Amino acid sequence: MSRTTGVEMTLRTWFRMLGITVLTFSLPEVALAASSLDKVKQSGVVKVCLAQQQPDNYKDPRSGQWTGVMVDLLNELSKWMKVKTDIAEVGWDVAVLSLKQGTCDLFASSIVYTAPRAMEIAFVTPFGAKGDNIVIDKKNPKNIKVHADLNNPNITIIAELGTREHDNAQRFFPKARILAVKVPSTVQVIDWVKRGDADAAVLPTITARWWLNVPENAAWAAMGFPGNDFGNAPNGWAVRQGDPDWLDFLNSFSGWVTANGMAKQLYDEYLERTNPFTKKD
């Protein structure tokens, strides 16, 4: 074998090895997505993202601790798995991005299905379904009575940026003036209605009911369409796409929750509890 041939073979071997190395380093996202369940088992920690929305998941103003329906379900899961949770608070406007970038292994707030979201992330089997409604001034100066009354250029609607409510407001009421704001807590969008800067605040119906359970809130505000929600959709958790083992595991947990009626029971309990945002004398 000539020296030239030997050099050529050495170079070919080197390039093949380089190709394998490049391939290996080009797959971290796939490997990350495929190993979430194994990673949780090995580390004993599940990285969770939460965005505030009452009564699903919120920080108690007195203790600063996360609480709510979804938090209780998360605690049940982590206790059963014998793992710890590492919680990162994110805004609804980056809920999808937080999963795609690997900030968390699980988005455990009550994230509601929308087609754009489903194109980017994988939804866990839902715990139930949620509809939207509006909170308006009890005096109802714009005489809002039916859904169609909102689809009017003279109506200003407020919603939290990046939420399903923001998406629904745009889809169902395209003629209205839509304000989308970033707030620490979903119920804070109602402040725009109280100040007269918006005619209606779009919220999950369960959140509106929970907020209106506070007497001082019900003194000036009301549900716009009692018993007549819009935009009903499944709600639950979500994970990155391409993570079948982790998704299957969480789907099984969701099935167990549903079989035992836990989600509905928790929602009923939270609606009956004293609201921690109630002003004290």
Protein backbone atom coordinates (compact mmCIF):
# COMPACT_ATOMS: atom_id res chain seq x y z
CA MET A 1 0.00 0.00 0.00
CA SER A 2 1.40 3.38 -1.01
CA ARG A 3 1.90 6.22 1.37
CA THR A 4 -0.72 8.26 -0.55
CA THR A 5 -3.32 5.50 -0.24
CA GLY A 6 -2.63 5.21 3.47
CA VAL A 7 -3.10 8.93 3.93
CA GLU A 8 -6.37 8.82 1.97
CA MET A 9 -7.69 5.97 4.13
CA THR A 10 -6.67 7.82 7.28
CA LEU A 11 -8.48 10.94 6.07
CA ARG A 12 -11.60 8.96 5.18
CA THR A 13 -11.59 7.35 8.62
CA TRP A 14 -11.11 10.74 10.26
CA PHE A 15 -14.01 12.30 8.30
CA ARG A 16 -16.28 9.36 9.16
CA MET A 17 -15.48 9.86 12.84
CA LEU A 18 -16.03 13.59 12.46
CA GLY A 19 -19.40 12.92 10.83
CA ILE A 20 -20.45 10.73 13.75
CA THR A 21 -19.33 13.41 16.18
CA VAL A 22 -21.26 16.12 14.33
CA LEU A 23 -24.35 13.89 14.24
CA THR A 24 -24.05 13.24 17.95
CA PHE A 25 -23.84 16.93 18.74
CA SER A 26 -26.73 17.75 16.43
CA LEU A 27 -29.20 15.67 18.45
CA PRO A 28 -29.28 17.19 21.95
CA GLU A 29 -32.83 18.52 21.59
CA VAL A 30 -34.16 15.14 20.44
CA ALA A 31 -32.27 13.33 23.18
CA LEU A 32 -33.53 15.83 25.75
CA ALA A 33 -37.12 15.42 24.62
CA ALA A 34 -36.92 11.62 24.61
CA SER A 35 -35.38 11.29 28.05
CA SER A 36 -37.65 13.38 30.30
CA LEU A 37 -39.09 10.46 32.25
CA ASP A 38 -35.67 8.82 32.69
CA LYS A 39 -34.18 12.16 33.70
CA VAL A 40 -36.84 12.67 36.37
CA LYS A 41 -36.29 9.14 37.72
CA GLN A 42 -32.53 9.61 37.82
CA SER A 43 -32.49 13.11 39.33
CA GLY A 44 -35.51 12.77 41.61
CA VAL A 45 -36.68 16.19 40.43
CA VAL A 46 -39.30 17.26 37.91
CA LYS A 47 -38.91 20.77 36.48
CA VAL A 48 -42.32 22.44 36.37
CA CYS A 49 -43.50 25.72 34.88
CA LEU A 50 -46.53 27.47 36.36
CA ALA A 51 -48.39 30.60 35.26
CA GLN A 52 -50.81 32.19 37.70
CA GLN A 53 -54.53 31.75 37.12
CA GLN A 54 -57.04 31.43 39.94
CA PRO A 55 -58.24 29.04 41.30
CA ASP A 56 -56.12 26.64 39.22
CA ASN A 57 -52.67 27.76 40.34
CA TYR A 58 -51.69 30.94 42.13
CA LYS A 59 -49.47 32.24 44.90
CA ASP A 60 -51.31 32.73 48.16
CA PRO A 61 -50.86 36.45 48.97
CA ARG A 62 -50.37 35.68 52.65
CA SER A 63 -47.91 32.80 52.50
CA GLY A 64 -46.39 33.24 49.04
CA GLN A 65 -46.85 29.50 48.49
CA TRP A 66 -48.23 28.02 45.30
CA THR A 67 -51.76 26.71 45.75
CA GLY A 68 -54.78 25.79 43.65
CA VAL A 69 -56.35 22.82 41.88
CA MET A 70 -53.46 22.09 39.51
CA VAL A 71 -50.91 22.52 42.29
CA ASP A 72 -52.76 19.99 44.43
CA LEU A 73 -52.74 17.53 41.51
CA LEU A 74 -49.04 18.19 40.94
CA ASN A 75 -48.30 17.56 44.61
CA GLU A 76 -50.26 14.31 44.45
CA LEU A 77 -48.20 13.18 41.47
CA SER A 78 -44.81 14.14 42.94
CA LYS A 79 -45.65 12.49 46.27
CA TRP A 80 -46.66 9.30 44.47
CA MET A 81 -43.53 9.36 42.31
CA LYS A 82 -41.39 10.20 45.36
CA VAL A 83 -39.74 13.09 43.55
CA LYS A 84 -39.37 16.81 44.25
CA THR A 85 -40.70 19.65 42.12
CA ASP A 86 -38.57 22.55 40.92
CA ILE A 87 -41.08 25.27 40.02
CA ALA A 88 -40.38 28.16 37.67
CA GLU A 89 -42.99 30.90 37.35
CA VAL A 90 -43.58 32.02 33.76
CA GLY A 91 -46.05 34.26 31.99
CA TRP A 92 -48.81 32.92 29.78
CA ASP A 93 -47.21 34.69 26.84
CA VAL A 94 -44.20 32.33 27.08
CA ALA A 95 -46.00 29.16 28.17
CA VAL A 96 -45.28 27.32 24.91
CA LEU A 97 -41.74 28.69 24.65
CA SER A 98 -40.89 27.54 28.19
CA LEU A 99 -41.49 23.94 27.11
CA LYS A 100 -39.79 24.18 23.75
CA GLN A 101 -36.64 25.74 25.25
CA GLY A 102 -36.43 23.15 28.02
CA THR A 103 -37.11 25.53 30.90
CA CYS A 104 -39.36 22.83 32.28
CA ASP A 105 -40.33 19.20 31.69
CA LEU A 106 -43.98 19.89 32.46
CA PHE A 107 -46.27 22.88 32.12
CA ALA A 108 -48.66 22.17 34.98
CA SER A 109 -50.91 25.19 34.94
CA SER A 110 -54.40 24.73 33.57
CA ILE A 111 -53.41 25.17 29.93
CA VAL A 112 -56.36 25.01 27.55
CA TYR A 113 -56.25 23.46 24.10
CA THR A 114 -55.93 25.71 21.08
CA ALA A 115 -54.87 24.60 17.60
CA PRO A 116 -51.84 26.96 17.48
CA ARG A 117 -50.59 25.61 20.81
CA ALA A 118 -51.12 22.00 19.71
CA MET A 119 -48.89 22.65 16.70
CA GLU A 120 -46.00 23.42 19.07
CA ILE A 121 -46.51 21.31 22.22
CA ALA A 122 -48.15 18.03 23.28
CA PHE A 123 -51.24 18.15 25.48
CA VAL A 124 -51.62 15.62 28.28
CA THR A 125 -55.06 13.93 28.41
CA PRO A 126 -57.24 16.71 29.89
CA PHE A 127 -58.59 16.72 33.43
CA GLY A 128 -61.78 18.40 32.24
CA ALA A 129 -62.95 21.36 30.16
CA LYS A 130 -63.28 25.08 30.71
CA GLY A 131 -65.36 27.78 29.09
CA ASP A 132 -64.89 31.54 28.97
CA ASN A 133 -67.14 34.34 30.13
CA ILE A 134 -66.84 38.05 30.82
CA VAL A 135 -66.86 40.27 33.87
CA ILE A 136 -68.62 43.61 33.36
CA ASP A 137 -69.70 46.58 35.45
CA LYS A 138 -72.95 45.67 37.19
CA LYS A 139 -74.54 48.83 35.79
CA ASN A 140 -73.88 47.45 32.29
CA PRO A 141 -73.62 50.86 30.57
CA LYS A 142 -73.13 49.27 27.10
CA ASN A 143 -76.21 47.04 27.56
CA ILE A 144 -74.27 43.81 26.87
CA LYS A 145 -76.73 40.92 26.93
CA VAL A 146 -75.66 38.33 24.35
CA HIS A 147 -72.33 37.23 22.83
CA ALA A 148 -72.98 39.15 19.61
CA ASP A 149 -73.10 42.43 21.56
CA LEU A 150 -69.35 42.14 22.09
CA ASN A 151 -68.57 41.98 18.36
CA ASN A 152 -68.85 45.73 18.00
CA PRO A 153 -66.20 48.41 17.32
CA ASN A 154 -67.67 50.45 20.18
CA ILE A 155 -66.82 47.67 22.68
CA THR A 156 -63.41 47.41 24.34
CA ILE A 157 -62.43 43.96 25.61
CA ILE A 158 -59.50 43.26 27.92
CA ALA A 159 -57.68 39.92 28.22
CA GLU A 160 -54.36 38.65 29.52
CA LEU A 161 -51.67 38.51 26.84
CA GLY A 162 -50.94 35.01 25.53
CA THR A 163 -53.91 33.30 27.16
CA ARG A 164 -56.67 31.27 25.55
CA GLU A 165 -58.98 34.17 26.54
CA HIS A 166 -56.92 36.55 24.41
CA ASP A 167 -57.15 34.10 21.49
CA ASN A 168 -60.91 33.65 21.95
CA ALA A 169 -61.54 37.38 22.11
CA GLN A 170 -59.79 37.81 18.76
CA ARG A 171 -61.54 34.84 17.16
CA PHE A 172 -65.09 35.41 18.37
CA PHE A 173 -65.22 39.22 18.52
CA PRO A 174 -63.01 40.48 15.66
CA LYS A 175 -64.85 43.80 15.35
CA ALA A 176 -64.26 44.75 18.99
CA ARG A 177 -61.26 46.69 20.24
CA ILE A 178 -59.08 44.08 21.95
CA LEU A 179 -56.59 45.05 24.66
CA ALA A 180 -54.03 42.37 25.60
CA VAL A 181 -51.99 43.10 28.72
CA LYS A 182 -49.33 41.27 30.70
CA VAL A 183 -50.32 41.01 34.36
CA PRO A 184 -48.91 39.02 37.31
CA SER A 185 -52.32 37.47 37.99
CA THR A 186 -55.18 36.83 35.53
CA VAL A 187 -57.87 38.50 37.65
CA GLN A 188 -56.00 41.80 37.48
CA VAL A 189 -57.39 42.41 33.98
CA ILE A 190 -60.68 43.21 35.71
CA ASP A 191 -59.09 46.44 37.00
CA TRP A 192 -59.45 47.89 33.48
CA VAL A 193 -63.22 47.36 33.68
CA LYS A 194 -63.42 48.92 37.14
CA ARG A 195 -61.52 52.01 35.93
CA GLY A 196 -63.76 52.29 32.88
CA ASP A 197 -60.91 51.62 30.44
CA ALA A 198 -62.61 48.43 29.13
CA ASP A 199 -66.21 47.29 28.85
CA ALA A 200 -65.60 43.59 29.46
CA ALA A 201 -62.82 41.38 30.81
CA VAL A 202 -62.58 37.90 29.30
CA LEU A 203 -61.73 35.21 31.88
CA PRO A 204 -62.17 31.48 32.37
CA THR A 205 -65.67 31.08 33.78
CA ILE A 206 -64.33 29.24 36.84
CA THR A 207 -61.97 32.17 37.54
CA ALA A 208 -64.76 34.73 37.14
CA ARG A 209 -67.00 32.77 39.54
CA TRP A 210 -64.16 32.44 42.04
CA TRP A 211 -63.43 36.18 41.90
CA LEU A 212 -67.09 37.15 42.17
CA ASN A 213 -67.40 35.06 45.33
CA VAL A 214 -65.64 37.95 47.08
CA PRO A 215 -68.47 40.27 48.32
CA GLU A 216 -66.65 43.54 47.56
CA ASN A 217 -66.09 42.37 43.98
CA ALA A 218 -69.70 41.29 43.48
CA ALA A 219 -70.81 44.69 44.83
CA TRP A 220 -69.83 46.42 41.57
CA ALA A 221 -69.21 43.66 39.00
CA ALA A 222 -71.17 40.77 37.48
CA MET A 223 -70.85 37.84 35.09
CA GLY A 224 -71.82 38.99 31.62
CA PHE A 225 -73.38 35.74 30.38
CA PRO A 226 -74.48 33.58 33.36
CA GLY A 227 -74.82 29.97 32.25
CA ASN A 228 -73.85 30.82 28.67
CA ASP A 229 -70.10 30.35 28.22
CA PHE A 230 -68.20 30.51 24.95
CA GLY A 231 -64.99 28.92 23.70
CA ASN A 232 -65.26 25.69 25.73
CA ALA A 233 -62.12 23.56 25.43
CA PRO A 234 -60.22 20.80 27.28
CA ASN A 235 -57.79 21.91 29.99
CA GLY A 236 -54.88 20.24 31.75
CA TRP A 237 -51.10 19.95 31.39
CA ALA A 238 -48.63 19.94 28.49
CA VAL A 239 -45.13 18.70 27.61
CA ARG A 240 -42.67 19.04 24.75
CA GLN A 241 -43.49 17.27 21.51
CA GLY A 242 -41.51 14.12 20.71
CA ASP A 243 -41.54 12.84 24.29
CA PRO A 244 -43.81 9.75 24.08
CA ASP A 245 -42.73 7.97 27.29
CA TRP A 246 -43.24 11.05 29.44
CA LEU A 247 -46.53 11.88 27.71
CA ASP A 248 -47.84 8.32 28.16
CA PHE A 249 -46.89 8.36 31.83
CA LEU A 250 -48.73 11.64 32.43
CA ASN A 251 -51.73 10.50 30.38
CA SER A 252 -52.04 7.50 32.71
CA PHE A 253 -51.93 9.78 35.74
CA SER A 254 -54.62 11.99 34.20
CA GLY A 255 -56.76 8.90 33.63
CA TRP A 256 -56.39 8.00 37.29
CA VAL A 257 -57.37 11.53 38.34
CA THR A 258 -60.45 11.40 36.11
CA ALA A 259 -61.45 7.92 37.30
CA ASN A 260 -61.48 9.21 40.87
CA GLY A 261 -63.22 12.52 40.09
CA MET A 262 -60.38 14.41 41.76
CA ALA A 263 -60.27 17.48 39.51
CA LYS A 264 -63.99 18.27 39.82
CA GLN A 265 -63.87 17.68 43.57
CA LEU A 266 -60.94 20.08 43.93
CA TYR A 267 -62.60 22.78 41.84
CA ASP A 268 -65.74 22.51 43.96
CA GLU A 269 -63.67 22.74 47.14
CA TYR A 270 -61.75 25.81 45.98
CA LEU A 271 -64.95 27.60 45.01
CA GLU A 272 -66.31 26.99 48.51
CA ARG A 273 -63.14 28.05 50.33
CA THR A 274 -62.62 31.53 51.67
CA ASN A 275 -60.89 33.47 48.93
CA PRO A 276 -57.42 34.56 50.16
CA PHE A 277 -57.80 37.81 48.20
CA THR A 278 -60.79 38.85 50.30
CA LYS A 279 -60.04 42.08 52.13
CA LYS A 280 -59.89 41.71 55.89
CA ASP A 281 -61.20 44.31 58.35
